[in-house]
Amino acid sequence: MQLREQIEALAARAGAEFTAGDRSVFDEFKAALNQGEIRAAARSADGAWRVNAWVKQGILLGFRMGQLVDMSCSPALRFFDKDTYPVRATTLQDNVRIVPGGSSIRDGAYVARGVVCMPPMYVNAGAYVDEGTMIDSHALVGSCAQIGKRVHLSAAAQIGGVLEPVGAVPVIIEDDVLVGGGCGIYEGTIVHERAVLAAGTILTGSTPVYDLAREKIYQRTPEAPLEIPAGAVVVPGSRSVRGECGRAWGLSLYAPVIVKYRDEKTQRAVQLEDYLR
């Protein structure tokens, strides 16, 4: 039986009793996640991102299977978590820079060669972080989030995870994207390649994005997530509140705005990031 079929069968099983053989199947599944051989979402031949629901089922299965154990580093630094998701074993041969200072990569996450982890940062189970990416201080890569090559997640950037429902596409950041400090990307948003998110930009499934350059509005639909076009430069903005009270009180609502698309000036600015890798 193939790994997918085994995981789907275990996930469909009622109850919480699992054998040593079941744990062995999950260990094989988690090893494949760690190596990047399977992932929660992948780009198909037509360029569209599609979720691998069975992989998400497998990650959730690990929580059902796991037993709460003491993972404390010392009597003064206590941790308690499921034994199926300890800190990921990382060696020098992985060629991942993990700068000292309190960072954690959870087991079941893929972190490619050349990734730089500045302290403190966190990568959750099911995440996929591709080559040459920098995860800066206080940044989070949520469960099942997919991060491309040469991405910079600046300080305090929050990349939300979408583990449930299993059929939902997770947050996806494509190659060469710059995510500014304090940004938040949530609810299955897809940021296409070479986009630049200015510091403080928040992208959610319920917030429309206003494109001044192309005179368009982007938003999530029942059939598709919010998508930021390739090369877009997005900044935090606002829009006035309609209605008598809104006008009388001078209220406005947060609105992310695309002010232009990546040009030579933008390229020179983001090239400075290369010196940090």
Protein backbone atom coordinates (compact mmCIF):
# COMPACT_ATOMS: atom_id res chain seq x y z
CA MET A 1 0.00 0.00 0.00
CA GLN A 2 1.31 3.47 -0.91
CA LEU A 3 2.02 6.04 1.81
CA ARG A 4 -0.94 8.19 0.76
CA GLU A 5 -3.36 5.27 1.04
CA GLN A 6 -1.95 4.32 4.44
CA ILE A 7 -2.29 7.85 5.79
CA GLU A 8 -5.84 8.24 4.45
CA ALA A 9 -6.84 4.92 6.03
CA LEU A 10 -5.38 5.89 9.41
CA ALA A 11 -6.98 9.35 9.26
CA ALA A 12 -10.38 7.80 8.58
CA ARG A 13 -10.12 5.43 11.52
CA ALA A 14 -12.33 6.21 14.51
CA GLY A 15 -10.88 6.36 17.98
CA ALA A 16 -7.42 7.18 19.26
CA GLU A 17 -5.78 3.74 19.57
CA PHE A 18 -2.73 3.31 17.36
CA THR A 19 -0.22 0.47 17.07
CA ALA A 20 3.55 0.58 16.73
CA GLY A 21 3.01 -0.16 13.03
CA ASP A 22 0.75 2.88 12.72
CA ARG A 23 3.41 5.03 14.34
CA SER A 24 5.95 3.65 11.89
CA VAL A 25 3.75 4.78 8.98
CA PHE A 26 3.48 8.24 10.50
CA ASP A 27 7.25 8.39 11.02
CA GLU A 28 7.73 7.58 7.33
CA PHE A 29 5.25 10.32 6.43
CA LYS A 30 6.99 12.87 8.66
CA ALA A 31 10.40 11.96 7.21
CA ALA A 32 9.01 12.68 3.73
CA LEU A 33 7.79 16.08 4.96
CA ASN A 34 11.21 16.85 6.42
CA GLN A 35 12.89 16.02 3.11
CA GLY A 36 10.43 18.03 1.02
CA GLU A 37 9.32 14.92 -0.85
CA ILE A 38 5.68 15.64 -0.02
CA ARG A 39 4.08 18.99 0.77
CA ALA A 40 0.72 20.44 1.77
CA ALA A 41 0.31 22.30 -1.53
CA ALA A 42 2.14 22.26 -4.85
CA ARG A 43 2.08 24.13 -8.14
CA SER A 44 0.63 22.12 -11.01
CA ALA A 45 1.68 22.22 -14.67
CA ASP A 46 -0.84 24.99 -15.42
CA GLY A 47 0.73 27.23 -12.76
CA ALA A 48 -2.17 26.94 -10.30
CA TRP A 49 -1.59 26.00 -6.68
CA ARG A 50 -3.48 22.95 -5.46
CA VAL A 51 -3.76 21.58 -1.96
CA ASN A 52 -2.73 18.02 -1.12
CA ALA A 53 -5.49 17.27 1.35
CA TRP A 54 -4.05 13.88 2.31
CA VAL A 55 -0.84 15.56 3.49
CA LYS A 56 -2.85 17.85 5.75
CA GLN A 57 -4.74 14.78 7.01
CA GLY A 58 -1.40 13.20 7.87
CA ILE A 59 -0.25 16.25 9.82
CA LEU A 60 -3.50 16.29 11.81
CA LEU A 61 -3.12 12.54 12.35
CA GLY A 62 0.15 13.23 14.14
CA PHE A 63 -1.67 15.30 16.76
CA ARG A 64 -4.21 12.50 17.34
CA MET A 65 -1.44 9.92 17.57
CA GLY A 66 0.87 11.86 19.83
CA GLN A 67 1.16 11.64 23.59
CA LEU A 68 1.91 14.67 25.75
CA VAL A 69 5.48 14.38 27.02
CA ASP A 70 8.02 16.47 28.88
CA MET A 71 10.36 18.15 26.37
CA SER A 72 12.01 20.47 28.88
CA CYS A 73 15.54 21.71 28.23
CA SER A 74 16.21 22.23 31.94
CA PRO A 75 14.30 22.56 35.21
CA ALA A 76 14.06 26.29 34.54
CA LEU A 77 12.97 26.00 30.87
CA ARG A 78 9.97 23.70 30.63
CA PHE A 79 8.15 22.49 27.52
CA PHE A 80 5.33 19.95 27.13
CA ASP A 81 4.11 18.83 23.70
CA LYS A 82 3.00 15.85 21.62
CA ASP A 83 5.82 13.35 21.17
CA THR A 84 5.04 13.18 17.45
CA TYR A 85 6.19 16.79 16.96
CA PRO A 86 9.48 17.46 18.75
CA VAL A 87 11.98 20.05 17.56
CA ARG A 88 13.23 19.03 14.11
CA ALA A 89 16.63 17.33 14.10
CA THR A 90 19.00 19.58 12.14
CA THR A 91 22.70 18.98 11.43
CA LEU A 92 25.54 20.98 9.89
CA GLN A 93 25.15 18.94 6.70
CA ASP A 94 21.69 20.48 6.18
CA ASN A 95 23.49 23.78 5.42
CA VAL A 96 20.82 25.82 7.21
CA ARG A 97 22.03 28.80 9.25
CA ILE A 98 20.31 28.83 12.62
CA VAL A 99 21.80 31.78 14.48
CA PRO A 100 21.89 31.24 18.29
CA GLY A 101 19.08 32.84 20.24
CA GLY A 102 15.90 30.85 20.72
CA SER A 103 14.66 29.79 17.27
CA SER A 104 12.69 26.57 16.71
CA ILE A 105 11.85 24.44 13.69
CA ARG A 106 9.20 21.86 14.45
CA ASP A 107 9.51 18.32 13.14
CA GLY A 108 7.60 17.76 9.90
CA ALA A 109 8.76 21.03 8.31
CA TYR A 110 10.99 21.26 5.24
CA VAL A 111 13.77 23.84 5.42
CA ALA A 112 16.02 23.84 2.35
CA ARG A 113 19.74 24.42 2.02
CA GLY A 114 20.86 28.02 2.33
CA VAL A 115 17.95 29.15 4.51
CA VAL A 116 18.93 31.69 7.17
CA CYS A 117 17.11 31.74 10.52
CA MET A 118 17.61 34.83 12.68
CA PRO A 119 16.65 34.55 16.35
CA PRO A 120 14.05 34.17 17.57
CA MET A 121 11.88 32.71 14.80
CA TYR A 122 9.57 29.72 14.45
CA VAL A 123 8.66 27.30 11.65
CA ASN A 124 5.65 25.07 12.32
CA ALA A 125 4.92 21.51 11.20
CA GLY A 126 3.93 21.08 7.56
CA ALA A 127 5.63 24.29 6.42
CA TYR A 128 7.86 24.30 3.33
CA VAL A 129 10.70 26.85 3.14
CA ASP A 130 12.73 26.81 -0.07
CA GLU A 131 16.38 27.61 -0.81
CA GLY A 132 18.00 30.92 0.02
CA THR A 133 15.12 32.30 2.09
CA MET A 134 15.78 34.46 5.15
CA ILE A 135 13.48 34.19 8.16
CA ASP A 136 14.20 37.25 10.26
CA SER A 137 13.80 37.84 13.99
CA HIS A 138 10.35 37.26 15.52
CA ALA A 139 9.01 35.92 12.20
CA LEU A 140 6.55 33.02 12.08
CA VAL A 141 6.02 30.48 9.31
CA GLY A 142 2.70 28.83 10.13
CA SER A 143 1.68 25.21 9.67
CA CYS A 144 1.50 24.20 5.98
CA ALA A 145 2.62 27.64 4.73
CA GLN A 146 4.61 27.39 1.48
CA ILE A 147 7.57 29.76 1.14
CA GLY A 148 9.50 29.99 -2.15
CA LYS A 149 13.14 30.58 -3.02
CA ARG A 150 15.06 33.73 -2.00
CA VAL A 151 12.15 35.14 0.01
CA HIS A 152 12.89 37.60 2.82
CA LEU A 153 10.50 37.41 5.73
CA SER A 154 11.48 40.57 7.60
CA ALA A 155 11.38 41.04 11.36
CA ALA A 156 8.05 40.19 12.99
CA ALA A 157 6.44 39.02 9.72
CA GLN A 158 3.62 36.58 10.40
CA ILE A 159 2.83 33.97 7.74
CA GLY A 160 -0.34 32.32 8.92
CA GLY A 161 -0.95 28.60 8.67
CA VAL A 162 -4.03 26.96 7.18
CA LEU A 163 -4.18 23.40 8.46
CA GLU A 164 -7.96 23.09 8.56
CA PRO A 165 -10.10 22.58 6.61
CA VAL A 166 -7.87 20.06 4.85
CA GLY A 167 -9.13 21.14 1.41
CA ALA A 168 -8.17 24.79 1.86
CA VAL A 169 -5.05 26.14 0.14
CA PRO A 170 -2.54 27.40 2.74
CA VAL A 171 -0.74 30.74 2.65
CA ILE A 172 1.73 30.73 -0.27
CA ILE A 173 4.65 33.11 -0.79
CA GLU A 174 6.32 32.56 -4.17
CA ASP A 175 9.96 33.08 -5.20
CA ASP A 176 11.81 36.38 -4.67
CA VAL A 177 9.08 38.03 -2.59
CA LEU A 178 10.06 40.64 -0.01
CA VAL A 179 7.77 40.65 3.03
CA GLY A 180 8.39 43.79 5.08
CA GLY A 181 8.63 44.07 8.85
CA GLY A 182 5.44 43.48 10.81
CA CYS A 183 3.48 42.19 7.81
CA GLY A 184 0.75 39.60 8.27
CA ILE A 185 -0.41 37.22 5.53
CA TYR A 186 -3.32 35.00 6.48
CA GLU A 187 -6.29 32.86 5.34
CA GLY A 188 -4.77 31.17 2.29
CA THR A 189 -3.57 34.34 0.56
CA ILE A 190 -1.21 33.73 -2.39
CA VAL A 191 1.56 36.28 -2.98
CA HIS A 192 3.01 35.76 -6.44
CA GLU A 193 6.68 35.97 -7.36
CA ARG A 194 8.74 39.15 -6.97
CA ALA A 195 6.00 41.02 -5.11
CA VAL A 196 7.06 43.50 -2.43
CA LEU A 197 4.97 44.03 0.72
CA ALA A 198 5.84 47.23 2.56
CA ALA A 199 6.24 47.13 6.33
CA GLY A 200 2.95 46.75 8.18
CA THR A 201 0.92 45.39 5.26
CA ILE A 202 -1.83 42.97 6.32
CA LEU A 203 -3.43 40.59 3.83
CA THR A 204 -6.48 38.52 4.79
CA GLY A 205 -9.25 36.75 2.97
CA SER A 206 -11.76 39.43 3.91
CA THR A 207 -9.73 42.52 2.96
CA PRO A 208 -9.88 43.77 -0.66
CA VAL A 209 -6.64 44.95 -2.26
CA TYR A 210 -6.82 48.09 -4.42
CA ASP A 211 -4.56 48.21 -7.49
CA LEU A 212 -3.96 51.85 -8.47
CA ALA A 213 -1.60 50.90 -11.29
CA ARG A 214 -4.04 48.61 -13.09
CA GLU A 215 -7.26 50.10 -11.68
CA LYS A 216 -8.51 46.79 -10.33
CA ILE A 217 -9.67 45.37 -7.01
CA TYR A 218 -8.54 41.92 -5.86
CA GLN A 219 -10.42 39.89 -3.27
CA ARG A 220 -11.17 36.35 -2.22
CA THR A 221 -14.13 34.55 -3.80
CA PRO A 222 -15.89 31.31 -2.78
CA GLU A 223 -13.85 29.56 -5.48
CA ALA A 224 -10.44 31.21 -5.12
CA PRO A 225 -8.21 32.80 -2.47
CA LEU A 226 -6.94 36.37 -2.46
CA GLU A 227 -3.99 36.61 -4.88
CA ILE A 228 -1.40 39.38 -5.12
CA PRO A 229 -0.08 39.72 -8.69
CA ALA A 230 3.55 39.06 -9.55
CA GLY A 231 5.80 42.07 -9.03
CA ALA A 232 3.18 44.13 -7.20
CA VAL A 233 4.37 46.66 -4.62
CA VAL A 234 1.79 46.72 -1.82
CA VAL A 235 1.62 49.35 0.93
CA PRO A 236 -0.79 49.90 3.85
CA GLY A 237 -3.51 52.38 2.97
CA SER A 238 -7.03 53.37 3.94
CA ARG A 239 -10.43 54.04 2.41
CA SER A 240 -13.20 56.25 3.73
CA VAL A 241 -16.17 54.75 5.53
CA ARG A 242 -19.44 55.23 3.71
CA GLY A 243 -22.56 56.45 5.42
CA GLU A 244 -23.51 59.52 7.40
CA CYS A 245 -21.74 58.52 10.62
CA GLY A 246 -18.59 57.51 8.80
CA ARG A 247 -18.38 60.89 7.09
CA ALA A 248 -19.33 62.82 10.20
CA TRP A 249 -16.72 61.08 12.33
CA GLY A 250 -14.05 61.14 9.64
CA LEU A 251 -13.57 57.35 9.80
CA SER A 252 -11.54 55.23 7.44
CA LEU A 253 -10.84 51.50 7.13
CA TYR A 254 -7.53 49.77 6.50
CA ALA A 255 -6.95 48.95 2.83
CA PRO A 256 -3.82 47.44 1.25
CA VAL A 257 -2.95 49.34 -1.94
CA ILE A 258 -0.80 48.36 -4.92
CA VAL A 259 0.97 51.58 -5.81
CA LYS A 260 3.16 50.25 -8.64
CA TYR A 261 4.88 47.18 -10.01
CA ARG A 262 8.47 46.23 -9.37
CA ASP A 263 10.88 48.37 -11.39
CA GLU A 264 14.62 49.06 -11.49
CA LYS A 265 14.47 51.34 -8.45
CA THR A 266 12.62 48.69 -6.44
CA GLN A 267 15.09 46.06 -7.62
CA ARG A 268 18.08 48.08 -6.37
CA ALA A 269 16.43 48.47 -2.97
CA VAL A 270 15.75 44.76 -2.48
CA GLN A 271 19.19 43.72 -3.73
CA LEU A 272 20.59 45.02 -0.45
CA GLU A 273 19.06 41.93 1.16
CA ASP A 274 21.52 39.67 -0.68
CA TYR A 275 24.39 40.85 1.50
CA LEU A 276 22.67 39.42 4.57
CA ARG A 277 22.49 35.87 3.24
